[in-house]
Amino acid sequence: MIKLFCITLLLFTLLGARENPFFPAEGETDIPLTSNITQNQEPLKRATLTFPSTARTIEEVTISYKNLDGSIEKKSINLNNSIDWHLPLFISQNYNESLKVNNEKKEVIVKNEAFKKLASLKFISLYTNKKELKVITKDKMIRDFLLVKPHRIVCDFKRDIDIRSFAKKISHEPLVKEFRVGNHQGYYRIVIELDGYYRYKLKKINDGYLFKLL
């Protein structure tokens, strides 16, 4: 009889025990689980992400992070904003770095307030401002089209002229890599080689033509 009582008591004790006493029981949500991995990573200052020349909008940003218990989760934010692929995207948790980025943006804005001359001949000049190209000339444009590999805008202008071929490489400015002029019978051709993939809209202005790159 005593033996039967001891066995019954042992069974009730086992039924009340938790499966794993080292993990919190149900309801103990205020006790975080910790990992035995040593946290010796460098603090985040600033990370940089660059875009290809085909990028035009940023749809979403997703961050993958590790919790105290070693599990991996993700957090996303929807943006749907236009971007300039020339400028990098920064991820930062450093206040001083944020100020530095803001100052850099201000410098870019000030720098691009007016059109800047890239190349010039007696009868034609090329200017740039942000994503706009201005061709200053009194000559009438006959045709314009876009070619790839490399990506370039080609324009023909009516003029009877005999000149040598002209080429100027442009490495200190965005948008344009090289400007070329070639002579043909009854017209001359300009080639504006671009630094990436674009479409454009063309507009006739008082002193020439304006290209808005898209």
C-alpha atoms as a PDB file:
ATOM      1  CA  MET A   1       0.000   0.000   0.000  1.00  0.00           C
ATOM      2  CA  ILE A   2       2.809   2.388   0.937  1.00  0.00           C
ATOM      3  CA  LYS A   3       4.642   1.490  -2.267  1.00  0.00           C
ATOM      4  CA  LEU A   4       1.545   2.287  -4.355  1.00  0.00           C
ATOM      5  CA  PHE A   5       1.165   5.691  -2.615  1.00  0.00           C
ATOM      6  CA  CYS A   6       4.820   6.615  -3.358  1.00  0.00           C
ATOM      7  CA  ILE A   7       4.472   5.745  -7.031  1.00  0.00           C
ATOM      8  CA  THR A   8       1.259   7.847  -7.332  1.00  0.00           C
ATOM      9  CA  LEU A   9       2.956  10.846  -5.661  1.00  0.00           C
ATOM     10  CA  LEU A  10       5.943  10.598  -8.038  1.00  0.00           C
ATOM     11  CA  LEU A  11       3.664  10.633 -11.098  1.00  0.00           C
ATOM     12  CA  PHE A  12       1.880  13.812  -9.911  1.00  0.00           C
ATOM     13  CA  THR A  13       5.273  15.497  -9.371  1.00  0.00           C
ATOM     14  CA  LEU A  14       6.467  14.711 -12.894  1.00  0.00           C
ATOM     15  CA  LEU A  15       3.240  16.022 -14.431  1.00  0.00           C
ATOM     16  CA  GLY A  16       3.714  19.413 -12.742  1.00  0.00           C
ATOM     17  CA  ALA A  17       7.334  19.846 -13.892  1.00  0.00           C
ATOM     18  CA  ARG A  18       8.195  22.069 -16.948  1.00  0.00           C
ATOM     19  CA  GLU A  19       9.639  20.451 -20.033  1.00  0.00           C
ATOM     20  CA  ASN A  20      12.712  22.744 -19.998  1.00  0.00           C
ATOM     21  CA  PRO A  21      13.334  24.689 -16.754  1.00  0.00           C
ATOM     22  CA  PHE A  22      15.957  26.881 -18.430  1.00  0.00           C
ATOM     23  CA  PHE A  23      13.368  28.662 -20.648  1.00  0.00           C
ATOM     24  CA  PRO A  24      10.718  31.023 -19.246  1.00  0.00           C
ATOM     25  CA  ALA A  25       7.278  29.638 -18.563  1.00  0.00           C
ATOM     26  CA  GLU A  26       4.163  30.955 -20.257  1.00  0.00           C
ATOM     27  CA  GLY A  27       3.418  34.487 -19.054  1.00  0.00           C
ATOM     28  CA  GLU A  28       7.046  35.369 -18.196  1.00  0.00           C
ATOM     29  CA  THR A  29       7.330  37.737 -21.168  1.00  0.00           C
ATOM     30  CA  ASP A  30       9.396  40.343 -19.298  1.00  0.00           C
ATOM     31  CA  ILE A  31      12.447  38.047 -19.111  1.00  0.00           C
ATOM     32  CA  PRO A  32      14.397  38.258 -22.406  1.00  0.00           C
ATOM     33  CA  LEU A  33      16.291  35.304 -23.760  1.00  0.00           C
ATOM     34  CA  THR A  34      20.008  35.904 -24.193  1.00  0.00           C
ATOM     35  CA  SER A  35      22.536  34.377 -26.522  1.00  0.00           C
ATOM     36  CA  ASN A  36      25.985  33.136 -25.513  1.00  0.00           C
ATOM     37  CA  ILE A  37      27.502  34.880 -28.569  1.00  0.00           C
ATOM     38  CA  THR A  38      29.987  37.590 -27.565  1.00  0.00           C
ATOM     39  CA  GLN A  39      28.769  41.001 -28.752  1.00  0.00           C
ATOM     40  CA  ASN A  40      32.052  42.442 -30.028  1.00  0.00           C
ATOM     41  CA  GLN A  41      30.858  44.079 -33.245  1.00  0.00           C
ATOM     42  CA  GLU A  42      31.857  47.656 -33.969  1.00  0.00           C
ATOM     43  CA  PRO A  43      29.086  50.249 -33.359  1.00  0.00           C
ATOM     44  CA  LEU A  44      27.336  51.381 -36.523  1.00  0.00           C
ATOM     45  CA  LYS A  45      28.565  54.781 -37.703  1.00  0.00           C
ATOM     46  CA  ARG A  46      27.645  55.014 -41.365  1.00  0.00           C
ATOM     47  CA  ALA A  47      27.101  52.481 -44.126  1.00  0.00           C
ATOM     48  CA  THR A  48      26.868  53.442 -47.797  1.00  0.00           C
ATOM     49  CA  LEU A  49      24.766  51.899 -50.553  1.00  0.00           C
ATOM     50  CA  THR A  50      25.260  52.884 -54.204  1.00  0.00           C
ATOM     51  CA  PHE A  51      22.799  52.405 -57.068  1.00  0.00           C
ATOM     52  CA  PRO A  52      23.217  51.410 -60.735  1.00  0.00           C
ATOM     53  CA  SER A  53      22.537  54.050 -63.375  1.00  0.00           C
ATOM     54  CA  THR A  54      19.187  52.428 -64.197  1.00  0.00           C
ATOM     55  CA  ALA A  55      17.725  53.217 -60.734  1.00  0.00           C
ATOM     56  CA  ARG A  56      15.074  55.956 -60.648  1.00  0.00           C
ATOM     57  CA  THR A  57      12.895  55.348 -57.551  1.00  0.00           C
ATOM     58  CA  ILE A  58      13.418  53.756 -54.150  1.00  0.00           C
ATOM     59  CA  GLU A  59      10.399  51.629 -53.284  1.00  0.00           C
ATOM     60  CA  GLU A  60      11.275  50.078 -49.940  1.00  0.00           C
ATOM     61  CA  VAL A  61      14.064  49.793 -47.367  1.00  0.00           C
ATOM     62  CA  THR A  62      14.397  46.538 -45.412  1.00  0.00           C
ATOM     63  CA  ILE A  63      16.681  46.082 -42.395  1.00  0.00           C
ATOM     64  CA  SER A  64      17.606  42.639 -41.075  1.00  0.00           C
ATOM     65  CA  TYR A  65      18.582  42.618 -37.381  1.00  0.00           C
ATOM     66  CA  LYS A  66      19.479  40.090 -34.681  1.00  0.00           C
ATOM     67  CA  ASN A  67      17.616  39.883 -31.347  1.00  0.00           C
ATOM     68  CA  LEU A  68      19.015  39.078 -27.910  1.00  0.00           C
ATOM     69  CA  ASP A  69      18.123  35.416 -28.341  1.00  0.00           C
ATOM     70  CA  GLY A  70      20.025  35.204 -31.648  1.00  0.00           C
ATOM     71  CA  SER A  71      16.911  35.093 -33.828  1.00  0.00           C
ATOM     72  CA  ILE A  72      16.866  37.138 -37.064  1.00  0.00           C
ATOM     73  CA  GLU A  73      13.985  39.448 -37.938  1.00  0.00           C
ATOM     74  CA  LYS A  74      13.328  42.092 -40.593  1.00  0.00           C
ATOM     75  CA  LYS A  75      11.745  45.541 -40.515  1.00  0.00           C
ATOM     76  CA  SER A  76      10.700  47.414 -43.665  1.00  0.00           C
ATOM     77  CA  ILE A  77       9.559  50.904 -44.556  1.00  0.00           C
ATOM     78  CA  ASN A  78       7.749  51.816 -47.792  1.00  0.00           C
ATOM     79  CA  LEU A  79       9.093  54.962 -49.451  1.00  0.00           C
ATOM     80  CA  ASN A  80       8.217  55.279 -53.170  1.00  0.00           C
ATOM     81  CA  ASN A  81      10.495  58.298 -53.689  1.00  0.00           C
ATOM     82  CA  SER A  82      12.530  59.379 -56.695  1.00  0.00           C
ATOM     83  CA  ILE A  83      16.311  59.156 -56.341  1.00  0.00           C
ATOM     84  CA  ASP A  84      19.437  60.417 -58.066  1.00  0.00           C
ATOM     85  CA  TRP A  85      21.636  57.363 -58.630  1.00  0.00           C
ATOM     86  CA  HIS A  86      24.754  59.560 -58.575  1.00  0.00           C
ATOM     87  CA  LEU A  87      24.240  60.093 -54.826  1.00  0.00           C
ATOM     88  CA  PRO A  88      24.737  57.200 -52.370  1.00  0.00           C
ATOM     89  CA  LEU A  89      22.210  56.123 -49.759  1.00  0.00           C
ATOM     90  CA  PHE A  90      23.478  56.392 -46.169  1.00  0.00           C
ATOM     91  CA  ILE A  91      22.505  54.319 -43.124  1.00  0.00           C
ATOM     92  CA  SER A  92      23.706  56.000 -39.942  1.00  0.00           C
ATOM     93  CA  GLN A  93      23.257  56.099 -36.166  1.00  0.00           C
ATOM     94  CA  ASN A  94      25.864  58.802 -35.631  1.00  0.00           C
ATOM     95  CA  TYR A  95      24.651  62.362 -35.122  1.00  0.00           C
ATOM     96  CA  ASN A  96      27.883  63.964 -36.336  1.00  0.00           C
ATOM     97  CA  GLU A  97      27.792  61.863 -39.502  1.00  0.00           C
ATOM     98  CA  SER A  98      24.216  63.010 -40.151  1.00  0.00           C
ATOM     99  CA  LEU A  99      25.329  66.630 -39.950  1.00  0.00           C
ATOM    100  CA  LYS A 100      28.162  65.862 -42.347  1.00  0.00           C
ATOM    101  CA  VAL A 101      25.756  64.320 -44.875  1.00  0.00           C
ATOM    102  CA  ASN A 102      23.423  67.339 -44.644  1.00  0.00           C
ATOM    103  CA  ASN A 103      26.345  69.675 -45.274  1.00  0.00           C
ATOM    104  CA  GLU A 104      27.405  67.603 -48.289  1.00  0.00           C
ATOM    105  CA  LYS A 105      23.874  67.846 -49.728  1.00  0.00           C
ATOM    106  CA  LYS A 106      23.881  71.624 -49.213  1.00  0.00           C
ATOM    107  CA  GLU A 107      27.174  71.889 -51.094  1.00  0.00           C
ATOM    108  CA  VAL A 108      25.741  69.901 -54.007  1.00  0.00           C
ATOM    109  CA  ILE A 109      22.654  72.158 -54.147  1.00  0.00           C
ATOM    110  CA  VAL A 110      24.771  75.333 -54.132  1.00  0.00           C
ATOM    111  CA  LYS A 111      27.071  73.906 -56.778  1.00  0.00           C
ATOM    112  CA  ASN A 112      24.169  73.128 -59.128  1.00  0.00           C
ATOM    113  CA  GLU A 113      22.311  76.444 -58.844  1.00  0.00           C
ATOM    114  CA  ALA A 114      23.496  77.652 -62.285  1.00  0.00           C
ATOM    115  CA  PHE A 115      24.385  75.990 -65.574  1.00  0.00           C
ATOM    116  CA  LYS A 116      28.053  75.149 -65.919  1.00  0.00           C
ATOM    117  CA  LYS A 117      29.908  75.145 -69.236  1.00  0.00           C
ATOM    118  CA  LEU A 118      31.377  71.766 -70.196  1.00  0.00           C
ATOM    119  CA  ALA A 119      32.575  72.360 -73.754  1.00  0.00           C
ATOM    120  CA  SER A 120      32.462  75.143 -76.331  1.00  0.00           C
ATOM    121  CA  LEU A 121      33.177  75.913 -79.974  1.00  0.00           C
ATOM    122  CA  LYS A 122      32.479  79.155 -81.868  1.00  0.00           C
ATOM    123  CA  PHE A 123      29.049  77.973 -83.053  1.00  0.00           C
ATOM    124  CA  ILE A 124      27.944  75.612 -80.270  1.00  0.00           C
ATOM    125  CA  SER A 125      28.369  75.162 -76.495  1.00  0.00           C
ATOM    126  CA  LEU A 126      27.296  72.529 -73.971  1.00  0.00           C
ATOM    127  CA  TYR A 127      26.153  73.335 -70.410  1.00  0.00           C
ATOM    128  CA  THR A 128      24.891  71.186 -67.536  1.00  0.00           C
ATOM    129  CA  ASN A 129      22.786  71.760 -64.426  1.00  0.00           C
ATOM    130  CA  LYS A 130      21.556  68.867 -62.252  1.00  0.00           C
ATOM    131  CA  LYS A 131      19.788  66.562 -64.743  1.00  0.00           C
ATOM    132  CA  GLU A 132      19.564  69.104 -67.560  1.00  0.00           C
ATOM    133  CA  LEU A 133      21.798  69.638 -70.569  1.00  0.00           C
ATOM    134  CA  LYS A 134      21.673  72.896 -72.493  1.00  0.00           C
ATOM    135  CA  VAL A 135      23.019  73.151 -76.040  1.00  0.00           C
ATOM    136  CA  ILE A 136      23.585  76.793 -76.988  1.00  0.00           C
ATOM    137  CA  THR A 137      23.571  77.374 -80.742  1.00  0.00           C
ATOM    138  CA  LYS A 138      21.869  79.461 -83.435  1.00  0.00           C
ATOM    139  CA  ASP A 139      21.820  76.509 -85.809  1.00  0.00           C
ATOM    140  CA  LYS A 140      18.653  74.539 -86.509  1.00  0.00           C
ATOM    141  CA  MET A 141      18.479  70.979 -85.252  1.00  0.00           C
ATOM    142  CA  ILE A 142      17.680  68.505 -88.038  1.00  0.00           C
ATOM    143  CA  ARG A 143      17.283  65.354 -85.958  1.00  0.00           C
ATOM    144  CA  ASP A 144      18.053  63.844 -82.564  1.00  0.00           C
ATOM    145  CA  PHE A 145      18.140  60.257 -81.281  1.00  0.00           C
ATOM    146  CA  LEU A 146      19.514  58.042 -78.539  1.00  0.00           C
ATOM    147  CA  LEU A 147      22.095  55.281 -78.973  1.00  0.00           C
ATOM    148  CA  VAL A 148      23.375  52.690 -76.503  1.00  0.00           C
ATOM    149  CA  LYS A 149      26.672  50.949 -75.712  1.00  0.00           C
ATOM    150  CA  PRO A 150      27.773  53.533 -74.788  1.00  0.00           C
ATOM    151  CA  HIS A 151      24.623  55.491 -73.921  1.00  0.00           C
ATOM    152  CA  ARG A 152      24.708  58.745 -75.901  1.00  0.00           C
ATOM    153  CA  ILE A 153      22.555  61.505 -77.363  1.00  0.00           C
ATOM    154  CA  VAL A 154      23.185  62.279 -81.029  1.00  0.00           C
ATOM    155  CA  CYS A 155      22.038  65.526 -82.690  1.00  0.00           C
ATOM    156  CA  ASP A 156      22.512  66.882 -86.210  1.00  0.00           C
ATOM    157  CA  PHE A 157      22.543  70.646 -86.892  1.00  0.00           C
ATOM    158  CA  LYS A 158      22.237  72.362 -90.256  1.00  0.00           C
ATOM    159  CA  ARG A 159      25.364  74.312 -91.258  1.00  0.00           C
ATOM    160  CA  ASP A 160      27.805  74.283 -94.151  1.00  0.00           C
ATOM    161  CA  ILE A 161      31.138  74.207 -92.409  1.00  0.00           C
ATOM    162  CA  ASP A 162      34.489  72.500 -92.767  1.00  0.00           C
ATOM    163  CA  ILE A 163      36.025  71.697 -89.379  1.00  0.00           C
ATOM    164  CA  ARG A 164      38.192  69.019 -87.871  1.00  0.00           C
ATOM    165  CA  SER A 165      36.620  66.484 -85.554  1.00  0.00           C
ATOM    166  CA  PHE A 166      36.443  67.730 -81.972  1.00  0.00           C
ATOM    167  CA  ALA A 167      36.340  65.601 -78.812  1.00  0.00           C
ATOM    168  CA  LYS A 168      36.546  66.523 -75.147  1.00  0.00           C
ATOM    169  CA  LYS A 169      36.484  64.049 -72.271  1.00  0.00           C
ATOM    170  CA  ILE A 170      34.674  65.270 -69.142  1.00  0.00           C
ATOM    171  CA  SER A 171      35.639  63.467 -65.938  1.00  0.00           C
ATOM    172  CA  HIS A 172      34.939  66.111 -63.268  1.00  0.00           C
ATOM    173  CA  GLU A 173      31.162  66.372 -63.741  1.00  0.00           C
ATOM    174  CA  PRO A 174      28.204  63.923 -63.569  1.00  0.00           C
ATOM    175  CA  LEU A 175      25.916  63.135 -66.534  1.00  0.00           C
ATOM    176  CA  VAL A 176      28.415  63.673 -69.381  1.00  0.00           C
ATOM    177  CA  LYS A 177      31.540  61.619 -70.059  1.00  0.00           C
ATOM    178  CA  GLU A 178      32.508  63.030 -73.455  1.00  0.00           C
ATOM    179  CA  PHE A 179      31.390  65.646 -76.000  1.00  0.00           C
ATOM    180  CA  ARG A 180      32.201  65.146 -79.682  1.00  0.00           C
ATOM    181  CA  VAL A 181      31.579  67.155 -82.860  1.00  0.00           C
ATOM    182  CA  GLY A 182      31.973  65.772 -86.388  1.00  0.00           C
ATOM    183  CA  ASN A 183      31.619  67.424 -89.805  1.00  0.00           C
ATOM    184  CA  HIS A 184      29.287  66.148 -92.575  1.00  0.00           C
ATOM    185  CA  GLN A 185      28.097  67.584 -95.885  1.00  0.00           C
ATOM    186  CA  GLY A 186      25.504  70.270 -95.132  1.00  0.00           C
ATOM    187  CA  TYR A 187      25.405  69.577 -91.390  1.00  0.00           C
ATOM    188  CA  TYR A 188      27.498  68.709 -88.361  1.00  0.00           C
ATOM    189  CA  ARG A 189      26.829  66.108 -85.688  1.00  0.00           C
ATOM    190  CA  ILE A 190      27.304  66.363 -81.931  1.00  0.00           C
ATOM    191  CA  VAL A 191      27.506  63.326 -79.659  1.00  0.00           C
ATOM    192  CA  ILE A 192      26.928  63.660 -75.925  1.00  0.00           C
ATOM    193  CA  GLU A 193      28.148  60.475 -74.240  1.00  0.00           C
ATOM    194  CA  LEU A 194      26.360  59.974 -70.907  1.00  0.00           C
ATOM    195  CA  ASP A 195      27.579  58.380 -67.688  1.00  0.00           C
ATOM    196  CA  GLY A 196      24.616  55.981 -67.398  1.00  0.00           C
ATOM    197  CA  TYR A 197      21.225  54.969 -68.761  1.00  0.00           C
ATOM    198  CA  TYR A 198      18.742  57.789 -69.428  1.00  0.00           C
ATOM    199  CA  ARG A 199      15.741  58.806 -71.446  1.00  0.00           C
ATOM    200  CA  TYR A 200      15.279  62.486 -72.255  1.00  0.00           C
ATOM    201  CA  LYS A 201      12.782  65.183 -73.149  1.00  0.00           C
ATOM    202  CA  LEU A 202      13.818  67.859 -75.632  1.00  0.00           C
ATOM    203  CA  LYS A 203      12.644  71.462 -75.568  1.00  0.00           C
ATOM    204  CA  LYS A 204      13.452  74.376 -77.899  1.00  0.00           C
ATOM    205  CA  ILE A 205      14.568  77.468 -75.962  1.00  0.00           C
ATOM    206  CA  ASN A 206      15.537  80.994 -77.007  1.00  0.00           C
ATOM    207  CA  ASP A 207      19.282  80.375 -77.219  1.00  0.00           C
ATOM    208  CA  GLY A 208      19.274  76.725 -78.266  1.00  0.00           C
ATOM    209  CA  TYR A 209      17.920  73.427 -76.947  1.00  0.00           C
ATOM    210  CA  LEU A 210      17.304  71.971 -73.515  1.00  0.00           C
ATOM    211  CA  PHE A 211      17.552  68.248 -72.715  1.00  0.00           C
ATOM    212  CA  LYS A 212      15.942  66.999 -69.504  1.00  0.00           C
ATOM    213  CA  LEU A 213      17.335  63.594 -68.574  1.00  0.00           C
ATOM    214  CA  LEU A 214      14.962  61.061 -67.015  1.00  0.00           C
END
